[in-house]
PDB file of N, CA and C in Angstrom:
ATOM      1  N   UNK A   1      78.389 113.571 238.348  1.00  0.00           N
ATOM      2  CA  UNK A   1      76.993 113.939 238.346  1.00  0.00           C
ATOM      3  C   UNK A   1      76.209 112.946 239.201  1.00  0.00           C
ATOM      4  N   UNK A   2      75.262 113.445 239.916  1.00  0.00           N
ATOM      5  CA  UNK A   2      74.447 112.641 240.822  1.00  0.00           C
ATOM      6  C   UNK A   2      73.481 111.743 240.035  1.00  0.00           C
ATOM      7  N   UNK A   3      73.111 110.614 240.613  1.00  0.00           N
ATOM      8  CA  UNK A   3      72.258 109.653 239.925  1.00  0.00           C
ATOM      9  C   UNK A   3      70.897 110.256 239.568  1.00  0.00           C
ATOM     10  N   UNK A   4      70.279 110.991 240.501  1.00  0.00           N
ATOM     11  CA  UNK A   4      68.971 111.592 240.226  1.00  0.00           C
ATOM     12  C   UNK A   4      69.048 112.633 239.126  1.00  0.00           C
ATOM     13  N   UNK A   5      70.135 113.367 239.059  1.00  0.00           N
ATOM     14  CA  UNK A   5      70.310 114.370 238.014  1.00  0.00           C
ATOM     15  C   UNK A   5      70.406 113.703 236.655  1.00  0.00           C
ATOM     16  N   UNK A   6      71.132 112.594 236.573  1.00  0.00           N
ATOM     17  CA  UNK A   6      71.233 111.859 235.313  1.00  0.00           C
ATOM     18  C   UNK A   6      69.865 111.353 234.863  1.00  0.00           C
ATOM     19  N   UNK A   7      69.080 110.838 235.808  1.00  0.00           N
ATOM     20  CA  UNK A   7      67.746 110.341 235.471  1.00  0.00           C
ATOM     21  C   UNK A   7      66.861 111.460 234.940  1.00  0.00           C
ATOM     22  N   UNK A   8      66.918 112.614 235.612  1.00  0.00           N
ATOM     23  CA  UNK A   8      66.085 113.743 235.208  1.00  0.00           C
ATOM     24  C   UNK A   8      66.478 114.237 233.821  1.00  0.00           C
ATOM     25  N   UNK A   9      67.779 114.334 233.568  1.00  0.00           N
ATOM     26  CA  UNK A   9      68.250 114.778 232.263  1.00  0.00           C
ATOM     27  C   UNK A   9      67.857 113.786 231.166  1.00  0.00           C
ATOM     28  N   UNK A  10      67.940 112.513 231.466  1.00  0.00           N
ATOM     29  CA  UNK A  10      67.548 111.486 230.499  1.00  0.00           C
ATOM     30  C   UNK A  10      66.071 111.602 230.156  1.00  0.00           C
ATOM     31  N   UNK A  11      65.231 111.789 231.195  1.00  0.00           N
ATOM     32  CA  UNK A  11      63.785 111.923 230.955  1.00  0.00           C
ATOM     33  C   UNK A  11      63.479 113.201 230.169  1.00  0.00           C
ATOM     34  N   UNK A  12      64.224 114.267 230.429  1.00  0.00           N
ATOM     35  CA  UNK A  12      64.023 115.513 229.685  1.00  0.00           C
ATOM     36  C   UNK A  12      64.361 115.319 228.202  1.00  0.00           C
ATOM     37  N   UNK A  13      65.440 114.573 227.919  1.00  0.00           N
ATOM     38  CA  UNK A  13      65.794 114.286 226.528  1.00  0.00           C
ATOM     39  C   UNK A  13      64.695 113.480 225.844  1.00  0.00           C
ATOM     40  N   UNK A  14      64.170 112.486 226.555  1.00  0.00           N
ATOM     41  CA  UNK A  14      63.106 111.659 225.993  1.00  0.00           C
ATOM     42  C   UNK A  14      61.876 112.510 225.695  1.00  0.00           C
ATOM     43  N   UNK A  15      61.509 113.387 226.635  1.00  0.00           N
ATOM     44  CA  UNK A  15      60.349 114.268 226.434  1.00  0.00           C
ATOM     45  C   UNK A  15      60.537 115.178 225.225  1.00  0.00           C
ATOM     46  N   UNK A  16      61.729 115.761 225.084  1.00  0.00           N
ATOM     47  CA  UNK A  16      61.986 116.650 223.948  1.00  0.00           C
ATOM     48  C   UNK A  16      61.883 115.900 222.626  1.00  0.00           C
ATOM     49  N   UNK A  17      62.381 114.672 222.593  1.00  0.00           N
ATOM     50  CA  UNK A  17      62.325 113.873 221.372  1.00  0.00           C
ATOM     51  C   UNK A  17      60.876 113.580 221.000  1.00  0.00           C
ATOM     52  N   UNK A  18      60.063 113.238 221.984  1.00  0.00           N
ATOM     53  CA  UNK A  18      58.651 112.953 221.737  1.00  0.00           C
ATOM     54  C   UNK A  18      57.928 114.208 221.269  1.00  0.00           C
ATOM     55  N   UNK A  19      58.190 115.328 221.945  1.00  0.00           N
ATOM     56  CA  UNK A  19      57.511 116.582 221.622  1.00  0.00           C
ATOM     57  C   UNK A  19      57.878 117.095 220.235  1.00  0.00           C
ATOM     58  N   UNK A  20      59.012 116.648 219.673  1.00  0.00           N
ATOM     59  CA  UNK A  20      59.379 117.085 218.334  1.00  0.00           C
ATOM     60  C   UNK A  20      58.480 116.463 217.279  1.00  0.00           C
ATOM     61  N   UNK A  21      57.802 115.368 217.611  1.00  0.00           N
ATOM     62  CA  UNK A  21      56.928 114.707 216.645  1.00  0.00           C
ATOM     63  C   UNK A  21      55.447 114.865 216.965  1.00  0.00           C
ATOM     64  N   UNK A  22      55.093 115.028 218.232  1.00  0.00           N
ATOM     65  CA  UNK A  22      53.689 115.116 218.630  1.00  0.00           C
ATOM     66  C   UNK A  22      53.316 116.576 218.820  1.00  0.00           C
ATOM     67  N   UNK A  23      52.256 117.011 218.138  1.00  0.00           N
ATOM     68  CA  UNK A  23      51.753 118.368 218.278  1.00  0.00           C
ATOM     69  C   UNK A  23      50.261 118.319 218.537  1.00  0.00           C
ATOM     70  N   UNK A  24      49.827 119.138 219.464  1.00  0.00           N
ATOM     71  CA  UNK A  24      48.406 119.241 219.754  1.00  0.00           C
ATOM     72  C   UNK A  24      47.824 120.476 219.092  1.00  0.00           C
ATOM     73  N   UNK A  25      46.613 120.361 218.575  1.00  0.00           N
ATOM     74  CA  UNK A  25      45.910 121.489 217.975  1.00  0.00           C
ATOM     75  C   UNK A  25      44.637 121.741 218.769  1.00  0.00           C
ATOM     76  N   UNK A  26      43.907 122.770 218.402  1.00  0.00           N
ATOM     77  CA  UNK A  26      42.661 123.040 219.119  1.00  0.00           C
ATOM     78  C   UNK A  26      41.619 121.961 218.805  1.00  0.00           C
ATOM     79  N   UNK A  27      41.678 121.363 217.601  1.00  0.00           N
ATOM     80  CA  UNK A  27      40.751 120.283 217.250  1.00  0.00           C
ATOM     81  C   UNK A  27      41.129 118.975 217.919  1.00  0.00           C
ATOM     82  N   UNK A  28      42.422 118.734 218.008  1.00  0.00           N
ATOM     83  CA  UNK A  28      42.937 117.481 218.563  1.00  0.00           C
ATOM     84  C   UNK A  28      44.108 117.798 219.497  1.00  0.00           C
ATOM     85  N   UNK A  29      43.796 118.197 220.742  1.00  0.00           N
ATOM     86  CA  UNK A  29      44.872 118.599 221.664  1.00  0.00           C
ATOM     87  C   UNK A  29      45.708 117.408 222.135  1.00  0.00           C
ATOM     88  N   UNK A  30      46.855 117.746 222.678  1.00  0.00           N
ATOM     89  CA  UNK A  30      47.785 116.736 223.185  1.00  0.00           C
ATOM     90  C   UNK A  30      47.428 116.417 224.631  1.00  0.00           C
ATOM     91  N   UNK A  31      47.180 115.147 224.915  1.00  0.00           N
ATOM     92  CA  UNK A  31      46.910 114.698 226.286  1.00  0.00           C
ATOM     93  C   UNK A  31      48.241 114.296 226.892  1.00  0.00           C
ATOM     94  N   UNK A  32      48.818 115.180 227.708  1.00  0.00           N
ATOM     95  CA  UNK A  32      50.111 114.884 228.314  1.00  0.00           C
ATOM     96  C   UNK A  32      49.920 114.583 229.800  1.00  0.00           C
ATOM     97  N   UNK A  33      50.778 113.740 230.306  1.00  0.00           N
ATOM     98  CA  UNK A  33      50.649 113.305 231.695  1.00  0.00           C
ATOM     99  C   UNK A  33      51.957 113.534 232.432  1.00  0.00           C
ATOM    100  N   UNK A  34      51.822 113.626 233.726  1.00  0.00           N
ATOM    101  CA  UNK A  34      52.974 113.639 234.626  1.00  0.00           C
ATOM    102  C   UNK A  34      52.597 112.796 235.817  1.00  0.00           C
ATOM    103  N   UNK A  35      53.481 111.911 236.207  1.00  0.00           N
ATOM    104  CA  UNK A  35      53.197 111.095 237.383  1.00  0.00           C
ATOM    105  C   UNK A  35      54.338 111.210 238.368  1.00  0.00           C
ATOM    106  N   UNK A  36      53.970 111.255 239.632  1.00  0.00           N
ATOM    107  CA  UNK A  36      54.955 111.209 240.698  1.00  0.00           C
ATOM    108  C   UNK A  36      54.663 109.958 241.515  1.00  0.00           C
ATOM    109  N   UNK A  37      55.343 109.782 242.611  1.00  0.00           N
ATOM    110  CA  UNK A  37      55.090 108.599 243.426  1.00  0.00           C
ATOM    111  C   UNK A  37      53.709 108.639 244.066  1.00  0.00           C
ATOM    112  N   UNK A  38      53.174 109.830 244.324  1.00  0.00           N
ATOM    113  CA  UNK A  38      51.875 109.950 244.984  1.00  0.00           C
ATOM    114  C   UNK A  38      50.745 110.346 244.044  1.00  0.00           C
ATOM    115  N   UNK A  39      51.015 111.227 243.088  1.00  0.00           N
ATOM    116  CA  UNK A  39      49.961 111.843 242.303  1.00  0.00           C
ATOM    117  C   UNK A  39      50.156 111.614 240.820  1.00  0.00           C
ATOM    118  N   UNK A  40      49.073 111.864 240.071  1.00  0.00           N
ATOM    119  CA  UNK A  40      49.139 111.847 238.617  1.00  0.00           C
ATOM    120  C   UNK A  40      48.373 113.060 238.101  1.00  0.00           C
ATOM    121  N   UNK A  41      48.962 113.745 237.126  1.00  0.00           N
ATOM    122  CA  UNK A  41      48.363 114.925 236.517  1.00  0.00           C
ATOM    123  C   UNK A  41      48.201 114.668 235.028  1.00  0.00           C
ATOM    124  N   UNK A  42      47.114 115.172 234.470  1.00  0.00           N
ATOM    125  CA  UNK A  42      46.885 115.058 233.035  1.00  0.00           C
ATOM    126  C   UNK A  42      46.301 116.373 232.543  1.00  0.00           C
ATOM    127  N   UNK A  43      46.681 116.759 231.334  1.00  0.00           N
ATOM    128  CA  UNK A  43      46.128 117.980 230.770  1.00  0.00           C
ATOM    129  C   UNK A  43      46.054 117.877 229.259  1.00  0.00           C
ATOM    130  N   UNK A  44      45.086 118.579 228.703  1.00  0.00           N
ATOM    131  CA  UNK A  44      44.945 118.685 227.258  1.00  0.00           C
ATOM    132  C   UNK A  44      45.517 120.026 226.843  1.00  0.00           C
ATOM    133  N   UNK A  45      46.507 119.991 225.931  1.00  0.00           N
ATOM    134  CA  UNK A  45      47.246 121.185 225.567  1.00  0.00           C
ATOM    135  C   UNK A  45      47.114 121.458 224.072  1.00  0.00           C
ATOM    136  N   UNK A  46      46.805 122.711 223.744  1.00  0.00           N
ATOM    137  CA  UNK A  46      46.838 123.182 222.362  1.00  0.00           C
ATOM    138  C   UNK A  46      48.214 123.796 222.149  1.00  0.00           C
ATOM    139  N   UNK A  47      49.111 123.079 221.476  1.00  0.00           N
ATOM    140  CA  UNK A  47      50.490 123.536 221.312  1.00  0.00           C
ATOM    141  C   UNK A  47      50.597 124.718 220.363  1.00  0.00           C
ATOM    142  N   UNK A  48      49.696 124.823 219.406  1.00  0.00           N
ATOM    143  CA  UNK A  48      49.770 125.928 218.454  1.00  0.00           C
ATOM    144  C   UNK A  48      49.496 127.262 219.136  1.00  0.00           C
ATOM    145  N   UNK A  49      48.512 127.283 220.037  1.00  0.00           N
ATOM    146  CA  UNK A  49      48.188 128.510 220.757  1.00  0.00           C
ATOM    147  C   UNK A  49      48.966 128.612 222.068  1.00  0.00           C
ATOM    148  N   UNK A  50      49.509 127.509 222.548  1.00  0.00           N
ATOM    149  CA  UNK A  50      50.251 127.512 223.800  1.00  0.00           C
ATOM    150  C   UNK A  50      49.351 127.564 225.016  1.00  0.00           C
ATOM    151  N   UNK A  51      48.155 126.955 224.919  1.00  0.00           N
ATOM    152  CA  UNK A  51      47.181 126.994 226.011  1.00  0.00           C
ATOM    153  C   UNK A  51      46.898 125.607 226.556  1.00  0.00           C
ATOM    154  N   UNK A  52      46.649 125.544 227.854  1.00  0.00           N
ATOM    155  CA  UNK A  52      46.114 124.336 228.463  1.00  0.00           C
ATOM    156  C   UNK A  52      44.598 124.457 228.428  1.00  0.00           C
ATOM    157  N   UNK A  53      43.937 123.522 227.767  1.00  0.00           N
ATOM    158  CA  UNK A  53      42.488 123.596 227.611  1.00  0.00           C
ATOM    159  C   UNK A  53      41.759 123.002 228.798  1.00  0.00           C
ATOM    160  N   UNK A  54      42.213 121.840 229.267  1.00  0.00           N
ATOM    161  CA  UNK A  54      41.573 121.129 230.371  1.00  0.00           C
ATOM    162  C   UNK A  54      42.664 120.445 231.172  1.00  0.00           C
ATOM    163  N   UNK A  55      42.483 120.367 232.488  1.00  0.00           N
ATOM    164  CA  UNK A  55      43.437 119.628 233.300  1.00  0.00           C
ATOM    165  C   UNK A  55      42.702 118.893 234.415  1.00  0.00           C
ATOM    166  N   UNK A  56      43.317 117.813 234.865  1.00  0.00           N
ATOM    167  CA  UNK A  56      42.776 117.029 235.978  1.00  0.00           C
ATOM    168  C   UNK A  56      43.943 116.433 236.743  1.00  0.00           C
ATOM    169  N   UNK A  57      43.741 116.236 238.031  1.00  0.00           N
ATOM    170  CA  UNK A  57      44.813 115.731 238.876  1.00  0.00           C
ATOM    171  C   UNK A  57      44.224 115.053 240.104  1.00  0.00           C
ATOM    172  N   UNK A  58      45.016 114.218 240.736  1.00  0.00           N
ATOM    173  CA  UNK A  58      44.580 113.611 241.991  1.00  0.00           C
ATOM    174  C   UNK A  58      44.584 114.638 243.109  1.00  0.00           C
ATOM    175  N   UNK A  59      45.188 115.801 242.877  1.00  0.00           N
ATOM    176  CA  UNK A  59      45.244 116.848 243.893  1.00  0.00           C
ATOM    177  C   UNK A  59      44.005 117.744 243.907  1.00  0.00           C
ATOM    178  N   UNK A  60      43.143 117.633 242.899  1.00  0.00           N
ATOM    179  CA  UNK A  60      41.936 118.468 242.847  1.00  0.00           C
ATOM    180  C   UNK A  60      41.041 118.184 244.040  1.00  0.00           C
ATOM    181  N   UNK A  61      40.454 119.229 244.594  1.00  0.00           N
ATOM    182  CA  UNK A  61      39.615 119.078 245.793  1.00  0.00           C
ATOM    183  C   UNK A  61      38.423 118.172 245.550  1.00  0.00           C
ATOM    184  N   UNK A  62      37.749 118.338 244.404  1.00  0.00           N
ATOM    185  CA  UNK A  62      36.558 117.524 244.159  1.00  0.00           C
ATOM    186  C   UNK A  62      36.887 116.051 243.912  1.00  0.00           C
ATOM    187  N   UNK A  63      38.093 115.752 243.458  1.00  0.00           N
ATOM    188  CA  UNK A  63      38.493 114.349 243.271  1.00  0.00           C
ATOM    189  C   UNK A  63      39.170 113.764 244.502  1.00  0.00           C
ATOM    190  N   UNK A  64      39.887 114.581 245.253  1.00  0.00           N
ATOM    191  CA  UNK A  64      40.687 114.086 246.378  1.00  0.00           C
ATOM    192  C   UNK A  64      39.832 113.380 247.423  1.00  0.00           C
ATOM    193  N   UNK A  65      38.610 113.875 247.645  1.00  0.00           N
ATOM    194  CA  UNK A  65      37.725 113.243 248.634  1.00  0.00           C
ATOM    195  C   UNK A  65      37.343 111.826 248.203  1.00  0.00           C
ATOM    196  N   UNK A  66      37.083 111.658 246.896  1.00  0.00           N
ATOM    197  CA  UNK A  66      36.653 110.352 246.385  1.00  0.00           C
ATOM    198  C   UNK A  66      37.806 109.361 246.278  1.00  0.00           C
ATOM    199  N   UNK A  67      39.034 109.843 246.249  1.00  0.00           N
ATOM    200  CA  UNK A  67      40.186 108.978 245.990  1.00  0.00           C
ATOM    201  C   UNK A  67      40.920 108.524 247.237  1.00  0.00           C
ATOM    202  N   UNK A  68      40.415 108.836 248.405  1.00  0.00           N
ATOM    203  CA  UNK A  68      41.147 108.564 249.650  1.00  0.00           C
ATOM    204  C   UNK A  68      41.612 107.122 249.791  1.00  0.00           C
ATOM    205  N   UNK A  69      40.728 106.169 249.632  1.00  0.00           N
ATOM    206  CA  UNK A  69      41.054 104.765 249.915  1.00  0.00           C
ATOM    207  C   UNK A  69      41.256 103.941 248.652  1.00  0.00           C
ATOM    208  N   UNK A  70      41.706 104.570 247.575  1.00  0.00           N
ATOM    209  CA  UNK A  70      41.894 103.849 246.323  1.00  0.00           C
ATOM    210  C   UNK A  70      43.377 103.654 246.039  1.00  0.00           C
ATOM    211  N   UNK A  71      43.661 102.686 245.190  1.00  0.00           N
ATOM    212  CA  UNK A  71      45.040 102.436 244.776  1.00  0.00           C
ATOM    213  C   UNK A  71      45.439 103.450 243.704  1.00  0.00           C
ATOM    214  N   UNK A  72      46.716 103.505 243.374  1.00  0.00           N
ATOM    215  CA  UNK A  72      47.189 104.443 242.342  1.00  0.00           C
ATOM    216  C   UNK A  72      46.533 104.164 240.995  1.00  0.00           C
ATOM    217  N   UNK A  73      46.321 102.892 240.689  1.00  0.00           N
ATOM    218  CA  UNK A  73      45.699 102.519 239.416  1.00  0.00           C
ATOM    219  C   UNK A  73      44.265 103.044 239.355  1.00  0.00           C
ATOM    220  N   UNK A  74      43.516 102.851 240.435  1.00  0.00           N
ATOM    221  CA  UNK A  74      42.131 103.320 240.480  1.00  0.00           C
ATOM    222  C   UNK A  74      42.081 104.845 240.420  1.00  0.00           C
ATOM    223  N   UNK A  75      43.017 105.505 241.101  1.00  0.00           N
ATOM    224  CA  UNK A  75      43.070 106.972 241.071  1.00  0.00           C
ATOM    225  C   UNK A  75      43.328 107.462 239.656  1.00  0.00           C
ATOM    226  N   UNK A  76      44.248 106.818 238.949  1.00  0.00           N
ATOM    227  CA  UNK A  76      44.582 107.230 237.591  1.00  0.00           C
ATOM    228  C   UNK A  76      43.384 107.067 236.668  1.00  0.00           C
ATOM    229  N   UNK A  77      42.649 105.993 236.842  1.00  0.00           N
ATOM    230  CA  UNK A  77      41.471 105.772 236.003  1.00  0.00           C
ATOM    231  C   UNK A  77      40.409 106.838 236.252  1.00  0.00           C
ATOM    232  N   UNK A  78      40.197 107.196 237.508  1.00  0.00           N
ATOM    233  CA  UNK A  78      39.229 108.240 237.855  1.00  0.00           C
ATOM    234  C   UNK A  78      39.667 109.592 237.285  1.00  0.00           C
ATOM    235  N   UNK A  79      40.956 109.892 237.356  1.00  0.00           N
ATOM    236  CA  UNK A  79      41.469 111.144 236.796  1.00  0.00           C
ATOM    237  C   UNK A  79      41.236 111.175 235.280  1.00  0.00           C
ATOM    238  N   UNK A  80      41.478 110.063 234.602  1.00  0.00           N
ATOM    239  CA  UNK A  80      41.245 109.981 233.157  1.00  0.00           C
ATOM    240  C   UNK A  80      39.783 110.202 232.805  1.00  0.00           C
ATOM    241  N   UNK A  81      38.886 109.589 233.567  1.00  0.00           N
ATOM    242  CA  UNK A  81      37.458 109.764 233.311  1.00  0.00           C
ATOM    243  C   UNK A  81      37.035 111.208 233.561  1.00  0.00           C
ATOM    244  N   UNK A  82      37.562 111.807 234.628  1.00  0.00           N
ATOM    245  CA  UNK A  82      37.226 113.191 234.954  1.00  0.00           C
ATOM    246  C   UNK A  82      37.733 114.139 233.863  1.00  0.00           C
ATOM    247  N   UNK A  83      38.934 113.903 233.378  1.00  0.00           N
ATOM    248  CA  UNK A  83      39.496 114.716 232.304  1.00  0.00           C
ATOM    249  C   UNK A  83      38.638 114.599 231.042  1.00  0.00           C
ATOM    250  N   UNK A  84      38.212 113.391 230.715  1.00  0.00           N
ATOM    251  CA  UNK A  84      37.381 113.181 229.531  1.00  0.00           C
ATOM    252  C   UNK A  84      36.046 113.905 229.672  1.00  0.00           C
ATOM    253  N   UNK A  85      35.471 113.870 230.870  1.00  0.00           N
ATOM    254  CA  UNK A  85      34.192 114.555 231.090  1.00  0.00           C
ATOM    255  C   UNK A  85      34.351 116.065 230.897  1.00  0.00           C
ATOM    256  N   UNK A  86      35.429 116.633 231.451  1.00  0.00           N
ATOM    257  CA  UNK A  86      35.684 118.065 231.288  1.00  0.00           C
ATOM    258  C   UNK A  86      35.930 118.419 229.826  1.00  0.00           C
ATOM    259  N   UNK A  87      36.641 117.538 229.113  1.00  0.00           N
ATOM    260  CA  UNK A  87      36.925 117.788 227.699  1.00  0.00           C
ATOM    261  C   UNK A  87      35.649 117.741 226.872  1.00  0.00           C
ATOM    262  N   UNK A  88      34.792 116.770 227.128  1.00  0.00           N
ATOM    263  CA  UNK A  88      33.542 116.669 226.387  1.00  0.00           C
ATOM    264  C   UNK A  88      32.648 117.875 226.651  1.00  0.00           C
ATOM    265  N   UNK A  89      32.695 118.414 227.859  1.00  0.00           N
ATOM    266  CA  UNK A  89      31.921 119.618 228.176  1.00  0.00           C
ATOM    267  C   UNK A  89      32.388 120.807 227.334  1.00  0.00           C
ATOM    268  N   UNK A  90      33.659 120.820 226.958  1.00  0.00           N
ATOM    269  CA  UNK A  90      34.197 121.896 226.123  1.00  0.00           C
ATOM    270  C   UNK A  90      34.150 121.563 224.636  1.00  0.00           C
ATOM    271  N   UNK A  91      33.574 120.421 224.281  1.00  0.00           N
ATOM    272  CA  UNK A  91      33.440 120.050 222.875  1.00  0.00           C
ATOM    273  C   UNK A  91      34.651 119.356 222.296  1.00  0.00           C
ATOM    274  N   UNK A  92      35.519 118.844 223.137  1.00  0.00           N
ATOM    275  CA  UNK A  92      36.719 118.125 222.680  1.00  0.00           C
ATOM    276  C   UNK A  92      36.459 116.635 222.822  1.00  0.00           C
ATOM    277  N   UNK A  93      36.540 115.907 221.703  1.00  0.00           N
ATOM    278  CA  UNK A  93      36.307 114.465 221.780  1.00  0.00           C
ATOM    279  C   UNK A  93      37.474 113.646 221.236  1.00  0.00           C
ATOM    280  N   UNK A  94      38.488 114.316 220.660  1.00  0.00           N
ATOM    281  CA  UNK A  94      39.663 113.611 220.141  1.00  0.00           C
ATOM    282  C   UNK A  94      40.917 114.233 220.730  1.00  0.00           C
ATOM    283  N   UNK A  95      41.945 113.417 220.904  1.00  0.00           N
ATOM    284  CA  UNK A  95      43.203 113.902 221.462  1.00  0.00           C
ATOM    285  C   UNK A  95      44.360 113.086 220.891  1.00  0.00           C
ATOM    286  N   UNK A  96      45.564 113.580 221.106  1.00  0.00           N
ATOM    287  CA  UNK A  96      46.790 112.874 220.774  1.00  0.00           C
ATOM    288  C   UNK A  96      47.437 112.522 222.105  1.00  0.00           C
ATOM    289  N   UNK A  97      47.751 111.257 222.329  1.00  0.00           N
ATOM    290  CA  UNK A  97      48.258 110.820 223.624  1.00  0.00           C
ATOM    291  C   UNK A  97      49.768 111.003 223.694  1.00  0.00           C
ATOM    292  N   UNK A  98      50.214 111.770 224.687  1.00  0.00           N
ATOM    293  CA  UNK A  98      51.632 111.983 224.944  1.00  0.00           C
ATOM    294  C   UNK A  98      51.930 111.393 226.317  1.00  0.00           C
ATOM    295  N   UNK A  99      52.569 110.250 226.347  1.00  0.00           N
ATOM    296  CA  UNK A  99      52.823 109.584 227.620  1.00  0.00           C
ATOM    297  C   UNK A  99      54.078 110.105 228.304  1.00  0.00           C
ATOM    298  N   UNK A 100      54.696 111.132 227.748  1.00  0.00           N
ATOM    299  CA  UNK A 100      55.845 111.826 228.334  1.00  0.00           C
ATOM    300  C   UNK A 100      57.026 110.913 228.620  1.00  0.00           C
ATOM    301  N   UNK A 101      57.209 109.900 227.820  1.00  0.00           N
ATOM    302  CA  UNK A 101      58.351 109.016 227.984  1.00  0.00           C
ATOM    303  C   UNK A 101      58.132 107.882 228.966  1.00  0.00           C
ATOM    304  N   UNK A 102      56.977 107.876 229.644  1.00  0.00           N
ATOM    305  CA  UNK A 102      56.677 106.771 230.557  1.00  0.00           C
ATOM    306  C   UNK A 102      56.242 105.559 229.735  1.00  0.00           C
ATOM    307  N   UNK A 103      56.496 104.381 230.244  1.00  0.00           N
ATOM    308  CA  UNK A 103      56.046 103.178 229.567  1.00  0.00           C
ATOM    309  C   UNK A 103      54.528 103.104 229.626  1.00  0.00           C
ATOM    310  N   UNK A 104      53.927 102.578 228.569  1.00  0.00           N
ATOM    311  CA  UNK A 104      52.478 102.425 228.526  1.00  0.00           C
ATOM    312  C   UNK A 104      52.137 101.176 229.335  1.00  0.00           C
ATOM    313  N   UNK A 105      52.110 101.368 230.649  1.00  0.00           N
ATOM    314  CA  UNK A 105      51.971 100.246 231.563  1.00  0.00           C
ATOM    315  C   UNK A 105      51.523 100.801 232.899  1.00  0.00           C
ATOM    316  N   UNK A 106      50.726 100.061 233.626  1.00  0.00           N
ATOM    317  CA  UNK A 106      50.358 100.465 234.979  1.00  0.00           C
ATOM    318  C   UNK A 106      49.501 101.708 235.033  1.00  0.00           C
ATOM    319  N   UNK A 107      49.976 102.731 235.736  1.00  0.00           N
ATOM    320  CA  UNK A 107      49.216 103.952 235.979  1.00  0.00           C
ATOM    321  C   UNK A 107      48.943 104.697 234.673  1.00  0.00           C
ATOM    322  N   UNK A 108      49.904 104.724 233.759  1.00  0.00           N
ATOM    323  CA  UNK A 108      49.726 105.412 232.483  1.00  0.00           C
ATOM    324  C   UNK A 108      48.628 104.736 231.674  1.00  0.00           C
ATOM    325  N   UNK A 109      48.634 103.433 231.639  1.00  0.00           N
ATOM    326  CA  UNK A 109      47.603 102.680 230.917  1.00  0.00           C
ATOM    327  C   UNK A 109      46.248 102.876 231.574  1.00  0.00           C
ATOM    328  N   UNK A 110      46.201 102.891 232.891  1.00  0.00           N
ATOM    329  CA  UNK A 110      44.936 103.089 233.600  1.00  0.00           C
ATOM    330  C   UNK A 110      44.350 104.462 233.300  1.00  0.00           C
ATOM    331  N   UNK A 111      45.181 105.489 233.259  1.00  0.00           N
ATOM    332  CA  UNK A 111      44.702 106.826 232.931  1.00  0.00           C
ATOM    333  C   UNK A 111      44.171 106.866 231.499  1.00  0.00           C
ATOM    334  N   UNK A 112      44.890 106.257 230.570  1.00  0.00           N
ATOM    335  CA  UNK A 112      44.450 106.227 229.173  1.00  0.00           C
ATOM    336  C   UNK A 112      43.121 105.482 229.036  1.00  0.00           C
ATOM    337  N   UNK A 113      43.002 104.353 229.714  1.00  0.00           N
ATOM    338  CA  UNK A 113      41.752 103.593 229.659  1.00  0.00           C
ATOM    339  C   UNK A 113      40.599 104.386 230.263  1.00  0.00           C
ATOM    340  N   UNK A 114      40.854 105.090 231.369  1.00  0.00           N
ATOM    341  CA  UNK A 114      39.824 105.911 231.972  1.00  0.00           C
ATOM    342  C   UNK A 114      39.369 107.027 231.045  1.00  0.00           C
ATOM    343  N   UNK A 115      40.317 107.665 230.347  1.00  0.00           N
ATOM    344  CA  UNK A 115      39.962 108.724 229.407  1.00  0.00           C
ATOM    345  C   UNK A 115      39.167 108.165 228.229  1.00  0.00           C
ATOM    346  N   UNK A 116      39.545 106.977 227.771  1.00  0.00           N
ATOM    347  CA  UNK A 116      38.785 106.348 226.672  1.00  0.00           C
ATOM    348  C   UNK A 116      37.371 105.975 227.134  1.00  0.00           C
ATOM    349  N   UNK A 117      37.262 105.434 228.353  1.00  0.00           N
ATOM    350  CA  UNK A 117      35.951 105.083 228.876  1.00  0.00           C
ATOM    351  C   UNK A 117      35.087 106.321 229.071  1.00  0.00           C
ATOM    352  N   UNK A 118      35.725 107.450 229.359  1.00  0.00           N
ATOM    353  CA  UNK A 118      35.004 108.698 229.542  1.00  0.00           C
ATOM    354  C   UNK A 118      34.539 109.322 228.247  1.00  0.00           C
ATOM    355  N   UNK A 119      35.060 108.859 227.109  1.00  0.00           N
ATOM    356  CA  UNK A 119      34.585 109.354 225.823  1.00  0.00           C
ATOM    357  C   UNK A 119      35.641 109.990 224.944  1.00  0.00           C
ATOM    358  N   UNK A 120      36.878 110.110 225.388  1.00  0.00           N
ATOM    359  CA  UNK A 120      37.933 110.664 224.536  1.00  0.00           C
ATOM    360  C   UNK A 120      38.396 109.609 223.535  1.00  0.00           C
ATOM    361  N   UNK A 121      38.716 110.057 222.339  1.00  0.00           N
ATOM    362  CA  UNK A 121      39.176 109.149 221.293  1.00  0.00           C
ATOM    363  C   UNK A 121      40.626 109.456 220.965  1.00  0.00           C
ATOM    364  N   UNK A 122      41.526 108.485 221.179  1.00  0.00           N
ATOM    365  CA  UNK A 122      42.923 108.606 220.800  1.00  0.00           C
ATOM    366  C   UNK A 122      43.519 107.244 220.614  1.00  0.00           C
TER     367      UNK A 122
END
């Protein structure tokens, strides 16, 4: 088996294990993240209904212009703040943080701090 395939399978196992304990509801949705080498995506998910309530990403047109000359950490913080603003507009102020198996360090921590600064409670 190829090295990248092993890594992907390992991360999938970690995600499944986490998802078996963390559930998002409409009152307290799950804030799940995905990060790649270039971008970071975050979304609030109601697992009971199977809906994505709010999402934000560095790929969004309205954010991409502002993020041109920023570092990954700064981009993640802006994405977190933007997600929190969208969530508050929909009446969501609490969430359950799902870091998707990533360490709570660097970009993941910056996104969480940005969401907290934006008004989300988790």
